[in-house]
Amino acid sequence: MRLALPDVVDRGDHWPRPHRWASAALVIRLTQRLDEIQPALTLYRDPTATDDWVRCAPAEAERLADLLVRAAELVEAPLPSERALDGPFWQDIACPAWCSGGHLPEDAYEDRTHFGDLPSAARAVLIDLLLETAAEGRPEQFEVTVAQHYRSTTARVHVIKSEQAELRLTPAEARTLAAHLRQLVQTAGLSAETLWPWTPIEGVTVGGESAFPCPHRLPWCRGHNKTEITEYRQLGNHLLHSGPITSAPFTTSGSPGSIDISINSLTDRAQPFAYLQLLGGDGGAELDASTIDQVIAALQFTKKYLQEAQPRT
């Protein structure tokens, strides 16, 4: 799709002058590598580029489409006509309803811009990009905002990647991009289970990283970190689902420990299993339903023996 706001692309002086410059464009592709079990959407800022600008999962592309439409609706609303009452000297018309304010008299001409974030009451406005390499311990993210210079009659939609590279769109282009993304997500033909909102679970970590909701929507699964979900896309890898049940404390030679019991399941196994992990010691054990019955019976027998062996008072 062609873009009206970015600078045109200079093809080089070896092109005939009428054809040297081409309009800026955004290329969207649905791709699936041979070693991946799910497709991805890739966006290219330059039609001739071999390296993508961003690579996102279908769920992330669908979320981006939603935000683009919300942003377009926001900036398409009629602009205010009343005069600014308490703005700086250079502002004669009141701010749009979505503007966060903060204008100063000393703002340079190019900085005299209305900025606004999308309302976040329903869903978060940041999209974590699970297929992009995390930088400095934080995931790459997409953010959609709106902006308008105070002398302009129309606002723009900004798609910002990790507070650095951005894409500026007209409202019409934002809607067009949203339509293309939704069409490719539909073409991918993934089940509803894979179109899961990729937002971290507040306060939950797995392996020291932020945990995301289970893509298979298992109600007992505590979630997975970005590394686990990304590696699962490679053929031959499996996703380990785990849900904690309880932790039984104990003491060995004066050192505290615990037996952690959880429900675990691998994506290539139809039946989940219980897992006992000895913390403060070594090793763990996988138990199926039959083995659990045997362990319970053995523990009950042991408990009875210990109770009978206690000195009588």
C-alpha atoms as a PDB file:
ATOM      1  CA  MET A   1       0.000   0.000   0.000  1.00  0.00           C
ATOM      2  CA  ARG A   2       1.217   3.505  -0.852  1.00  0.00           C
ATOM      3  CA  LEU A   3       1.880   5.998   1.920  1.00  0.00           C
ATOM      4  CA  ALA A   4       1.309   9.722   1.552  1.00  0.00           C
ATOM      5  CA  LEU A   5       3.197  11.105   4.573  1.00  0.00           C
ATOM      6  CA  PRO A   6       6.718   9.531   4.521  1.00  0.00           C
ATOM      7  CA  ASP A   7       9.386  10.835   2.143  1.00  0.00           C
ATOM      8  CA  VAL A   8       9.496   9.377  -1.346  1.00  0.00           C
ATOM      9  CA  VAL A   9      11.996   6.637  -2.158  1.00  0.00           C
ATOM     10  CA  ASP A  10      15.012   7.656  -4.260  1.00  0.00           C
ATOM     11  CA  ARG A  11      15.814   4.746  -6.580  1.00  0.00           C
ATOM     12  CA  GLY A  12      19.174   6.239  -7.611  1.00  0.00           C
ATOM     13  CA  ASP A  13      20.528   8.327 -10.437  1.00  0.00           C
ATOM     14  CA  HIS A  14      20.764   5.297 -12.761  1.00  0.00           C
ATOM     15  CA  TRP A  15      16.978   5.527 -13.204  1.00  0.00           C
ATOM     16  CA  PRO A  16      15.509   7.889 -15.808  1.00  0.00           C
ATOM     17  CA  ARG A  17      14.539  11.141 -14.119  1.00  0.00           C
ATOM     18  CA  PRO A  18      10.737  10.673 -14.433  1.00  0.00           C
ATOM     19  CA  HIS A  19      11.033   7.270 -12.725  1.00  0.00           C
ATOM     20  CA  ARG A  20      13.820   7.968 -10.223  1.00  0.00           C
ATOM     21  CA  TRP A  21      11.512   8.697  -7.287  1.00  0.00           C
ATOM     22  CA  ALA A  22       8.781   6.339  -6.145  1.00  0.00           C
ATOM     23  CA  SER A  23       6.121   6.936  -3.552  1.00  0.00           C
ATOM     24  CA  ALA A  24       6.725   5.488  -0.095  1.00  0.00           C
ATOM     25  CA  ALA A  25       5.007   2.177   0.472  1.00  0.00           C
ATOM     26  CA  LEU A  26       4.355  -0.443   3.108  1.00  0.00           C
ATOM     27  CA  VAL A  27       4.462  -4.101   2.107  1.00  0.00           C
ATOM     28  CA  ILE A  28       2.553  -6.658   4.202  1.00  0.00           C
ATOM     29  CA  ARG A  29       3.180 -10.351   3.717  1.00  0.00           C
ATOM     30  CA  LEU A  30       1.898 -13.544   5.277  1.00  0.00           C
ATOM     31  CA  THR A  31       4.891 -15.861   5.612  1.00  0.00           C
ATOM     32  CA  GLN A  32       5.724 -19.196   7.179  1.00  0.00           C
ATOM     33  CA  ARG A  33       9.254 -20.523   7.390  1.00  0.00           C
ATOM     34  CA  LEU A  34       9.877 -24.202   6.794  1.00  0.00           C
ATOM     35  CA  ASP A  35      10.816 -24.750  10.421  1.00  0.00           C
ATOM     36  CA  GLU A  36       7.720 -23.006  11.838  1.00  0.00           C
ATOM     37  CA  ILE A  37       4.341 -24.517  12.659  1.00  0.00           C
ATOM     38  CA  GLN A  38       2.424 -21.224  12.406  1.00  0.00           C
ATOM     39  CA  PRO A  39       2.494 -18.340   9.904  1.00  0.00           C
ATOM     40  CA  ALA A  40       3.481 -14.778  10.757  1.00  0.00           C
ATOM     41  CA  LEU A  41       2.800 -11.347   9.267  1.00  0.00           C
ATOM     42  CA  THR A  42       5.806  -9.314   8.160  1.00  0.00           C
ATOM     43  CA  LEU A  43       5.803  -5.593   7.397  1.00  0.00           C
ATOM     44  CA  TYR A  44       8.409  -3.956   5.145  1.00  0.00           C
ATOM     45  CA  ARG A  45       8.941  -0.180   5.053  1.00  0.00           C
ATOM     46  CA  ASP A  46      10.708  -0.416   1.676  1.00  0.00           C
ATOM     47  CA  PRO A  47       9.345  -2.631  -1.159  1.00  0.00           C
ATOM     48  CA  THR A  48      12.910  -3.470  -2.205  1.00  0.00           C
ATOM     49  CA  ALA A  49      14.127  -4.328   1.317  1.00  0.00           C
ATOM     50  CA  THR A  50      15.026  -7.893   2.239  1.00  0.00           C
ATOM     51  CA  ASP A  51      14.913  -7.281   6.007  1.00  0.00           C
ATOM     52  CA  ASP A  52      11.475  -6.827   7.514  1.00  0.00           C
ATOM     53  CA  TRP A  53      10.606  -3.829   9.692  1.00  0.00           C
ATOM     54  CA  VAL A  54       8.591  -5.957  12.063  1.00  0.00           C
ATOM     55  CA  ARG A  55       7.446  -9.550  12.311  1.00  0.00           C
ATOM     56  CA  CYS A  56       4.306 -10.252  14.301  1.00  0.00           C
ATOM     57  CA  ALA A  57       2.036 -13.152  15.175  1.00  0.00           C
ATOM     58  CA  PRO A  58      -1.526 -13.159  13.757  1.00  0.00           C
ATOM     59  CA  ALA A  59      -2.915 -12.304  17.191  1.00  0.00           C
ATOM     60  CA  GLU A  60      -0.682  -9.226  17.350  1.00  0.00           C
ATOM     61  CA  ALA A  61      -1.676  -8.190  13.811  1.00  0.00           C
ATOM     62  CA  GLU A  62      -5.345  -8.497  14.688  1.00  0.00           C
ATOM     63  CA  ARG A  63      -4.805  -6.369  17.791  1.00  0.00           C
ATOM     64  CA  LEU A  64      -2.949  -3.750  15.719  1.00  0.00           C
ATOM     65  CA  ALA A  65      -5.868  -3.638  13.285  1.00  0.00           C
ATOM     66  CA  ASP A  66      -8.259  -2.922  16.175  1.00  0.00           C
ATOM     67  CA  LEU A  67      -6.079  -0.067  17.427  1.00  0.00           C
ATOM     68  CA  LEU A  68      -5.726   1.438  13.951  1.00  0.00           C
ATOM     69  CA  VAL A  69      -9.489   1.610  13.529  1.00  0.00           C
ATOM     70  CA  ARG A  70      -9.911   3.143  16.995  1.00  0.00           C
ATOM     71  CA  ALA A  71      -7.260   5.754  16.172  1.00  0.00           C
ATOM     72  CA  ALA A  72      -8.918   6.590  12.849  1.00  0.00           C
ATOM     73  CA  GLU A  73     -12.258   7.070  14.565  1.00  0.00           C
ATOM     74  CA  LEU A  74     -10.612   9.354  17.107  1.00  0.00           C
ATOM     75  CA  VAL A  75      -8.975  11.696  14.606  1.00  0.00           C
ATOM     76  CA  GLU A  76     -11.950  11.760  12.247  1.00  0.00           C
ATOM     77  CA  ALA A  77     -14.108  13.441  14.893  1.00  0.00           C
ATOM     78  CA  PRO A  78     -14.880  17.133  14.173  1.00  0.00           C
ATOM     79  CA  LEU A  79     -12.211  19.530  15.413  1.00  0.00           C
ATOM     80  CA  PRO A  80     -13.127  22.177  18.007  1.00  0.00           C
ATOM     81  CA  SER A  81     -13.981  25.654  16.725  1.00  0.00           C
ATOM     82  CA  GLU A  82     -13.923  27.582  19.999  1.00  0.00           C
ATOM     83  CA  ARG A  83     -10.923  29.662  20.972  1.00  0.00           C
ATOM     84  CA  ALA A  84      -8.330  28.424  23.454  1.00  0.00           C
ATOM     85  CA  LEU A  85      -8.951  29.990  26.875  1.00  0.00           C
ATOM     86  CA  ASP A  86      -5.812  29.100  28.810  1.00  0.00           C
ATOM     87  CA  GLY A  87      -3.338  27.944  26.161  1.00  0.00           C
ATOM     88  CA  PRO A  88       0.038  29.508  25.270  1.00  0.00           C
ATOM     89  CA  PHE A  89       0.161  32.681  23.171  1.00  0.00           C
ATOM     90  CA  TRP A  90       0.615  30.788  19.895  1.00  0.00           C
ATOM     91  CA  GLN A  91      -2.517  28.649  20.332  1.00  0.00           C
ATOM     92  CA  ASP A  92      -5.688  30.268  19.067  1.00  0.00           C
ATOM     93  CA  ILE A  93      -8.021  27.229  18.774  1.00  0.00           C
ATOM     94  CA  ALA A  94      -8.820  24.851  21.644  1.00  0.00           C
ATOM     95  CA  CYS A  95      -7.163  21.440  21.768  1.00  0.00           C
ATOM     96  CA  PRO A  96      -8.945  18.400  20.287  1.00  0.00           C
ATOM     97  CA  ALA A  97     -10.766  16.305  22.858  1.00  0.00           C
ATOM     98  CA  TRP A  98      -8.070  13.621  22.694  1.00  0.00           C
ATOM     99  CA  CYS A  99      -5.096  15.958  23.257  1.00  0.00           C
ATOM    100  CA  SER A 100      -3.188  15.332  26.484  1.00  0.00           C
ATOM    101  CA  GLY A 101      -2.236  19.034  26.726  1.00  0.00           C
ATOM    102  CA  GLY A 102       1.035  20.169  28.241  1.00  0.00           C
ATOM    103  CA  HIS A 103       1.695  22.937  25.684  1.00  0.00           C
ATOM    104  CA  LEU A 104       4.258  25.568  26.676  1.00  0.00           C
ATOM    105  CA  PRO A 105       4.825  29.115  25.400  1.00  0.00           C
ATOM    106  CA  GLU A 106       8.472  28.269  24.623  1.00  0.00           C
ATOM    107  CA  ASP A 107       7.598  25.315  22.387  1.00  0.00           C
ATOM    108  CA  ALA A 108       9.362  25.563  19.033  1.00  0.00           C
ATOM    109  CA  TYR A 109       7.146  25.784  15.962  1.00  0.00           C
ATOM    110  CA  GLU A 110       7.656  22.137  14.996  1.00  0.00           C
ATOM    111  CA  ASP A 111       6.863  21.057  18.579  1.00  0.00           C
ATOM    112  CA  ARG A 112       3.511  22.834  18.750  1.00  0.00           C
ATOM    113  CA  THR A 113       1.644  19.580  18.271  1.00  0.00           C
ATOM    114  CA  HIS A 114      -1.389  17.976  19.852  1.00  0.00           C
ATOM    115  CA  PHE A 115      -0.617  14.453  21.072  1.00  0.00           C
ATOM    116  CA  GLY A 116      -3.036  11.892  22.395  1.00  0.00           C
ATOM    117  CA  ASP A 117      -3.089   8.253  23.453  1.00  0.00           C
ATOM    118  CA  LEU A 118      -5.959   5.933  22.692  1.00  0.00           C
ATOM    119  CA  PRO A 119      -8.440   5.325  25.524  1.00  0.00           C
ATOM    120  CA  SER A 120      -7.245   2.246  27.397  1.00  0.00           C
ATOM    121  CA  ALA A 121     -10.387   1.385  29.339  1.00  0.00           C
ATOM    122  CA  ALA A 122     -11.156  -1.707  27.294  1.00  0.00           C
ATOM    123  CA  ARG A 123      -7.754  -3.149  26.379  1.00  0.00           C
ATOM    124  CA  ALA A 124      -4.131  -2.097  26.622  1.00  0.00           C
ATOM    125  CA  VAL A 125      -2.714   0.099  23.849  1.00  0.00           C
ATOM    126  CA  LEU A 126       0.729  -1.547  23.895  1.00  0.00           C
ATOM    127  CA  ILE A 127       1.275  -4.719  21.857  1.00  0.00           C
ATOM    128  CA  ASP A 128       4.149  -6.964  22.894  1.00  0.00           C
ATOM    129  CA  LEU A 129       5.819  -8.412  19.778  1.00  0.00           C
ATOM    130  CA  LEU A 130       6.705 -11.975  20.713  1.00  0.00           C
ATOM    131  CA  LEU A 131       8.539 -12.748  17.467  1.00  0.00           C
ATOM    132  CA  GLU A 132      10.899  -9.782  17.782  1.00  0.00           C
ATOM    133  CA  THR A 133      14.111 -10.118  19.790  1.00  0.00           C
ATOM    134  CA  ALA A 134      13.745  -8.490  23.200  1.00  0.00           C
ATOM    135  CA  ALA A 135      16.066  -5.552  23.822  1.00  0.00           C
ATOM    136  CA  GLU A 136      17.586  -4.752  27.215  1.00  0.00           C
ATOM    137  CA  GLY A 137      15.287  -7.131  29.047  1.00  0.00           C
ATOM    138  CA  ARG A 138      12.051  -5.693  27.657  1.00  0.00           C
ATOM    139  CA  PRO A 139       9.996  -6.919  24.710  1.00  0.00           C
ATOM    140  CA  GLU A 140       9.695  -5.015  21.465  1.00  0.00           C
ATOM    141  CA  GLN A 141       6.326  -3.287  21.372  1.00  0.00           C
ATOM    142  CA  PHE A 142       3.867  -1.545  19.079  1.00  0.00           C
ATOM    143  CA  GLU A 143       2.057   1.580  20.254  1.00  0.00           C
ATOM    144  CA  VAL A 144      -0.617   3.484  18.337  1.00  0.00           C
ATOM    145  CA  THR A 145      -1.081   7.194  19.064  1.00  0.00           C
ATOM    146  CA  VAL A 146      -2.553  10.237  17.301  1.00  0.00           C
ATOM    147  CA  ALA A 147      -0.974  13.642  16.658  1.00  0.00           C
ATOM    148  CA  GLN A 148      -1.783  16.911  14.913  1.00  0.00           C
ATOM    149  CA  HIS A 149       0.256  20.075  14.408  1.00  0.00           C
ATOM    150  CA  TYR A 150      -1.644  23.084  15.693  1.00  0.00           C
ATOM    151  CA  ARG A 151      -1.637  24.673  12.190  1.00  0.00           C
ATOM    152  CA  SER A 152      -2.875  21.498  10.493  1.00  0.00           C
ATOM    153  CA  THR A 153      -6.522  20.748   9.744  1.00  0.00           C
ATOM    154  CA  THR A 154      -6.137  16.961   9.979  1.00  0.00           C
ATOM    155  CA  ALA A 155      -4.619  14.615  12.533  1.00  0.00           C
ATOM    156  CA  ARG A 156      -2.331  11.656  11.848  1.00  0.00           C
ATOM    157  CA  VAL A 157      -2.111   8.121  13.180  1.00  0.00           C
ATOM    158  CA  HIS A 158       1.334   7.090  14.442  1.00  0.00           C
ATOM    159  CA  VAL A 159       2.400   3.452  14.746  1.00  0.00           C
ATOM    160  CA  ILE A 160       5.499   3.451  16.971  1.00  0.00           C
ATOM    161  CA  LYS A 161       7.824   0.493  17.440  1.00  0.00           C
ATOM    162  CA  SER A 162       9.540   0.488  20.836  1.00  0.00           C
ATOM    163  CA  GLU A 163       9.528   4.283  21.182  1.00  0.00           C
ATOM    164  CA  GLN A 164      11.856   4.650  18.165  1.00  0.00           C
ATOM    165  CA  ALA A 165      10.896   3.825  14.581  1.00  0.00           C
ATOM    166  CA  GLU A 166       7.459   5.051  13.659  1.00  0.00           C
ATOM    167  CA  LEU A 167       5.013   4.910  10.784  1.00  0.00           C
ATOM    168  CA  ARG A 168       2.803   7.949  10.056  1.00  0.00           C
ATOM    169  CA  LEU A 169      -0.572   7.287   8.450  1.00  0.00           C
ATOM    170  CA  THR A 170      -3.579   9.278   7.364  1.00  0.00           C
ATOM    171  CA  PRO A 171      -6.877   8.054   8.870  1.00  0.00           C
ATOM    172  CA  ALA A 172      -7.767   6.470   5.518  1.00  0.00           C
ATOM    173  CA  GLU A 173      -4.411   4.682   5.374  1.00  0.00           C
ATOM    174  CA  ALA A 174      -4.873   3.448   8.944  1.00  0.00           C
ATOM    175  CA  ARG A 175      -8.195   1.885   7.959  1.00  0.00           C
ATOM    176  CA  THR A 176      -6.682   0.402   4.799  1.00  0.00           C
ATOM    177  CA  LEU A 177      -3.809  -1.154   6.742  1.00  0.00           C
ATOM    178  CA  ALA A 178      -6.268  -2.558   9.304  1.00  0.00           C
ATOM    179  CA  ALA A 179      -8.284  -4.159   6.495  1.00  0.00           C
ATOM    180  CA  HIS A 180      -5.161  -5.731   4.957  1.00  0.00           C
ATOM    181  CA  LEU A 181      -4.049  -7.105   8.343  1.00  0.00           C
ATOM    182  CA  ARG A 182      -7.462  -8.614   9.064  1.00  0.00           C
ATOM    183  CA  GLN A 183      -7.631 -10.159   5.623  1.00  0.00           C
ATOM    184  CA  LEU A 184      -4.249 -11.852   6.075  1.00  0.00           C
ATOM    185  CA  VAL A 185      -5.150 -13.023   9.584  1.00  0.00           C
ATOM    186  CA  GLN A 186      -8.273 -14.599   8.095  1.00  0.00           C
ATOM    187  CA  THR A 187      -6.198 -16.105   5.289  1.00  0.00           C
ATOM    188  CA  ALA A 188      -3.883 -17.674   7.877  1.00  0.00           C
ATOM    189  CA  GLY A 189      -6.869 -19.785   8.919  1.00  0.00           C
ATOM    190  CA  LEU A 190      -5.766 -20.231  12.529  1.00  0.00           C
ATOM    191  CA  SER A 191      -8.173 -21.458  15.167  1.00  0.00           C
ATOM    192  CA  ALA A 192      -9.556 -19.073  17.760  1.00  0.00           C
ATOM    193  CA  GLU A 193      -7.235 -20.548  20.405  1.00  0.00           C
ATOM    194  CA  THR A 194      -4.210 -18.991  18.724  1.00  0.00           C
ATOM    195  CA  LEU A 195      -5.725 -15.498  18.504  1.00  0.00           C
ATOM    196  CA  TRP A 196      -5.076 -14.789  22.154  1.00  0.00           C
ATOM    197  CA  PRO A 197      -4.411 -11.277  23.521  1.00  0.00           C
ATOM    198  CA  TRP A 198      -0.634 -11.127  23.936  1.00  0.00           C
ATOM    199  CA  THR A 199      -0.504  -9.014  27.074  1.00  0.00           C
ATOM    200  CA  PRO A 200       1.605 -10.093  30.078  1.00  0.00           C
ATOM    201  CA  ILE A 201      -0.109 -11.452  33.160  1.00  0.00           C
ATOM    202  CA  GLU A 202       0.368  -8.833  35.849  1.00  0.00           C
ATOM    203  CA  GLY A 203       2.740  -9.913  38.603  1.00  0.00           C
ATOM    204  CA  VAL A 204       3.435 -13.381  37.128  1.00  0.00           C
ATOM    205  CA  THR A 205       6.833 -14.507  35.844  1.00  0.00           C
ATOM    206  CA  VAL A 206       8.091 -17.748  34.339  1.00  0.00           C
ATOM    207  CA  GLY A 207      11.823 -18.375  34.324  1.00  0.00           C
ATOM    208  CA  GLY A 208      12.467 -14.798  35.381  1.00  0.00           C
ATOM    209  CA  GLU A 209      10.533 -13.355  32.407  1.00  0.00           C
ATOM    210  CA  SER A 210       7.033 -11.884  32.209  1.00  0.00           C
ATOM    211  CA  ALA A 211       4.382 -14.551  31.716  1.00  0.00           C
ATOM    212  CA  PHE A 212       1.805 -14.401  28.913  1.00  0.00           C
ATOM    213  CA  PRO A 213      -1.558 -16.233  28.853  1.00  0.00           C
ATOM    214  CA  CYS A 214      -1.490 -19.836  27.684  1.00  0.00           C
ATOM    215  CA  PRO A 215      -2.096 -19.877  23.891  1.00  0.00           C
ATOM    216  CA  HIS A 216      -4.044 -23.127  24.307  1.00  0.00           C
ATOM    217  CA  ARG A 217      -6.261 -21.533  26.985  1.00  0.00           C
ATOM    218  CA  LEU A 218      -5.760 -24.297  29.530  1.00  0.00           C
ATOM    219  CA  PRO A 219      -7.462 -22.881  32.636  1.00  0.00           C
ATOM    220  CA  TRP A 220      -4.927 -24.364  35.066  1.00  0.00           C
ATOM    221  CA  CYS A 221      -1.803 -23.260  33.138  1.00  0.00           C
ATOM    222  CA  ARG A 222       0.118 -20.434  34.830  1.00  0.00           C
ATOM    223  CA  GLY A 223       1.272 -19.035  31.458  1.00  0.00           C
ATOM    224  CA  HIS A 224       4.463 -18.969  29.408  1.00  0.00           C
ATOM    225  CA  ASN A 225       7.285 -16.522  28.878  1.00  0.00           C
ATOM    226  CA  LYS A 226       8.147 -15.076  25.484  1.00  0.00           C
ATOM    227  CA  THR A 227      11.041 -17.468  24.924  1.00  0.00           C
ATOM    228  CA  GLU A 228       8.868 -20.545  25.439  1.00  0.00           C
ATOM    229  CA  ILE A 229       6.147 -19.346  23.065  1.00  0.00           C
ATOM    230  CA  THR A 230       8.641 -18.294  20.385  1.00  0.00           C
ATOM    231  CA  GLU A 231      10.598 -21.562  20.526  1.00  0.00           C
ATOM    232  CA  TYR A 232       7.345 -23.544  20.357  1.00  0.00           C
ATOM    233  CA  ARG A 233       6.865 -22.163  16.832  1.00  0.00           C
ATOM    234  CA  GLN A 234       9.822 -24.280  15.683  1.00  0.00           C
ATOM    235  CA  LEU A 235       9.061 -27.777  14.449  1.00  0.00           C
ATOM    236  CA  GLY A 236      10.001 -30.497  16.922  1.00  0.00           C
ATOM    237  CA  ASN A 237       9.624 -28.266  20.001  1.00  0.00           C
ATOM    238  CA  HIS A 238       6.856 -28.666  22.559  1.00  0.00           C
ATOM    239  CA  LEU A 239       5.182 -26.296  24.949  1.00  0.00           C
ATOM    240  CA  LEU A 240       5.190 -27.372  28.594  1.00  0.00           C
ATOM    241  CA  HIS A 241       2.026 -26.325  30.404  1.00  0.00           C
ATOM    242  CA  SER A 242       2.303 -26.142  34.184  1.00  0.00           C
ATOM    243  CA  GLY A 243      -0.119 -25.214  36.921  1.00  0.00           C
ATOM    244  CA  PRO A 244       0.942 -25.159  40.604  1.00  0.00           C
ATOM    245  CA  ILE A 245      -1.205 -27.115  43.069  1.00  0.00           C
ATOM    246  CA  THR A 246       0.514 -26.862  46.444  1.00  0.00           C
ATOM    247  CA  SER A 247       3.865 -26.724  48.178  1.00  0.00           C
ATOM    248  CA  ALA A 248       4.553 -28.917  51.212  1.00  0.00           C
ATOM    249  CA  PRO A 249       7.436 -27.652  53.398  1.00  0.00           C
ATOM    250  CA  PHE A 250       9.940 -29.941  55.095  1.00  0.00           C
ATOM    251  CA  THR A 251      13.313 -29.746  56.859  1.00  0.00           C
ATOM    252  CA  THR A 252      16.378 -31.895  56.173  1.00  0.00           C
ATOM    253  CA  SER A 253      19.404 -31.625  58.478  1.00  0.00           C
ATOM    254  CA  GLY A 254      18.186 -28.241  59.623  1.00  0.00           C
ATOM    255  CA  SER A 255      17.821 -26.906  56.053  1.00  0.00           C
ATOM    256  CA  PRO A 256      14.333 -25.968  54.833  1.00  0.00           C
ATOM    257  CA  GLY A 257      12.948 -27.348  51.586  1.00  0.00           C
ATOM    258  CA  SER A 258       9.636 -28.093  49.945  1.00  0.00           C
ATOM    259  CA  ILE A 259       7.844 -30.605  47.759  1.00  0.00           C
ATOM    260  CA  ASP A 260       6.099 -28.671  45.001  1.00  0.00           C
ATOM    261  CA  ILE A 261       3.180 -30.390  43.317  1.00  0.00           C
ATOM    262  CA  SER A 262       1.908 -29.186  39.952  1.00  0.00           C
ATOM    263  CA  ILE A 263      -0.137 -30.291  36.954  1.00  0.00           C
ATOM    264  CA  ASN A 264       2.000 -30.494  33.823  1.00  0.00           C
ATOM    265  CA  SER A 265       1.257 -31.285  30.211  1.00  0.00           C
ATOM    266  CA  LEU A 266       3.257 -31.345  26.990  1.00  0.00           C
ATOM    267  CA  THR A 267       1.652 -30.362  23.692  1.00  0.00           C
ATOM    268  CA  ASP A 268       2.401 -33.808  22.251  1.00  0.00           C
ATOM    269  CA  ARG A 269       0.696 -35.617  25.145  1.00  0.00           C
ATOM    270  CA  ALA A 270      -3.045 -35.995  25.327  1.00  0.00           C
ATOM    271  CA  GLN A 271      -3.063 -36.681  29.061  1.00  0.00           C
ATOM    272  CA  PRO A 272      -1.667 -34.244  31.662  1.00  0.00           C
ATOM    273  CA  PHE A 273       0.345 -35.558  34.600  1.00  0.00           C
ATOM    274  CA  ALA A 274       1.155 -34.530  38.144  1.00  0.00           C
ATOM    275  CA  TYR A 275       4.728 -33.468  38.854  1.00  0.00           C
ATOM    276  CA  LEU A 276       6.504 -33.558  42.203  1.00  0.00           C
ATOM    277  CA  GLN A 277       9.574 -31.337  42.444  1.00  0.00           C
ATOM    278  CA  LEU A 278      11.889 -31.525  45.433  1.00  0.00           C
ATOM    279  CA  LEU A 279      13.262 -28.056  46.237  1.00  0.00           C
ATOM    280  CA  GLY A 280      16.151 -27.925  48.647  1.00  0.00           C
ATOM    281  CA  GLY A 281      17.071 -31.370  47.387  1.00  0.00           C
ATOM    282  CA  ASP A 282      17.554 -33.083  44.021  1.00  0.00           C
ATOM    283  CA  GLY A 283      15.223 -34.421  41.370  1.00  0.00           C
ATOM    284  CA  GLY A 284      11.533 -34.692  40.673  1.00  0.00           C
ATOM    285  CA  ALA A 285       9.000 -37.262  39.504  1.00  0.00           C
ATOM    286  CA  GLU A 286       6.202 -37.522  36.942  1.00  0.00           C
ATOM    287  CA  LEU A 287       3.066 -39.269  38.223  1.00  0.00           C
ATOM    288  CA  ASP A 288       0.066 -40.453  36.229  1.00  0.00           C
ATOM    289  CA  ALA A 289      -3.320 -41.132  37.819  1.00  0.00           C
ATOM    290  CA  SER A 290      -2.511 -44.738  38.688  1.00  0.00           C
ATOM    291  CA  THR A 291       0.820 -43.802  40.251  1.00  0.00           C
ATOM    292  CA  ILE A 292      -0.845 -41.047  42.310  1.00  0.00           C
ATOM    293  CA  ASP A 293      -3.228 -43.648  43.764  1.00  0.00           C
ATOM    294  CA  GLN A 294      -0.254 -45.822  44.696  1.00  0.00           C
ATOM    295  CA  VAL A 295       1.611 -42.894  46.268  1.00  0.00           C
ATOM    296  CA  ILE A 296      -1.478 -41.846  48.244  1.00  0.00           C
ATOM    297  CA  ALA A 297      -1.946 -45.401  49.504  1.00  0.00           C
ATOM    298  CA  ALA A 298       1.744 -45.614  50.447  1.00  0.00           C
ATOM    299  CA  LEU A 299       1.657 -42.261  52.242  1.00  0.00           C
ATOM    300  CA  GLN A 300      -1.519 -43.182  54.116  1.00  0.00           C
ATOM    301  CA  PHE A 301       0.097 -46.463  55.204  1.00  0.00           C
ATOM    302  CA  THR A 302       3.234 -44.577  56.256  1.00  0.00           C
ATOM    303  CA  LYS A 303       1.178 -42.009  58.149  1.00  0.00           C
ATOM    304  CA  LYS A 304      -0.678 -44.805  59.980  1.00  0.00           C
ATOM    305  CA  TYR A 305       2.600 -46.516  60.844  1.00  0.00           C
ATOM    306  CA  LEU A 306       4.091 -43.256  62.188  1.00  0.00           C
ATOM    307  CA  GLN A 307       1.005 -42.584  64.264  1.00  0.00           C
ATOM    308  CA  GLU A 308       1.059 -46.121  65.740  1.00  0.00           C
ATOM    309  CA  ALA A 309       4.774 -45.844  66.437  1.00  0.00           C
ATOM    310  CA  GLN A 310       4.366 -42.693  68.521  1.00  0.00           C
ATOM    311  CA  PRO A 311       4.953 -43.260  72.272  1.00  0.00           C
ATOM    312  CA  ARG A 312       1.724 -43.603  74.185  1.00  0.00           C
ATOM    313  CA  THR A 313       1.210 -41.190  77.078  1.00  0.00           C
END
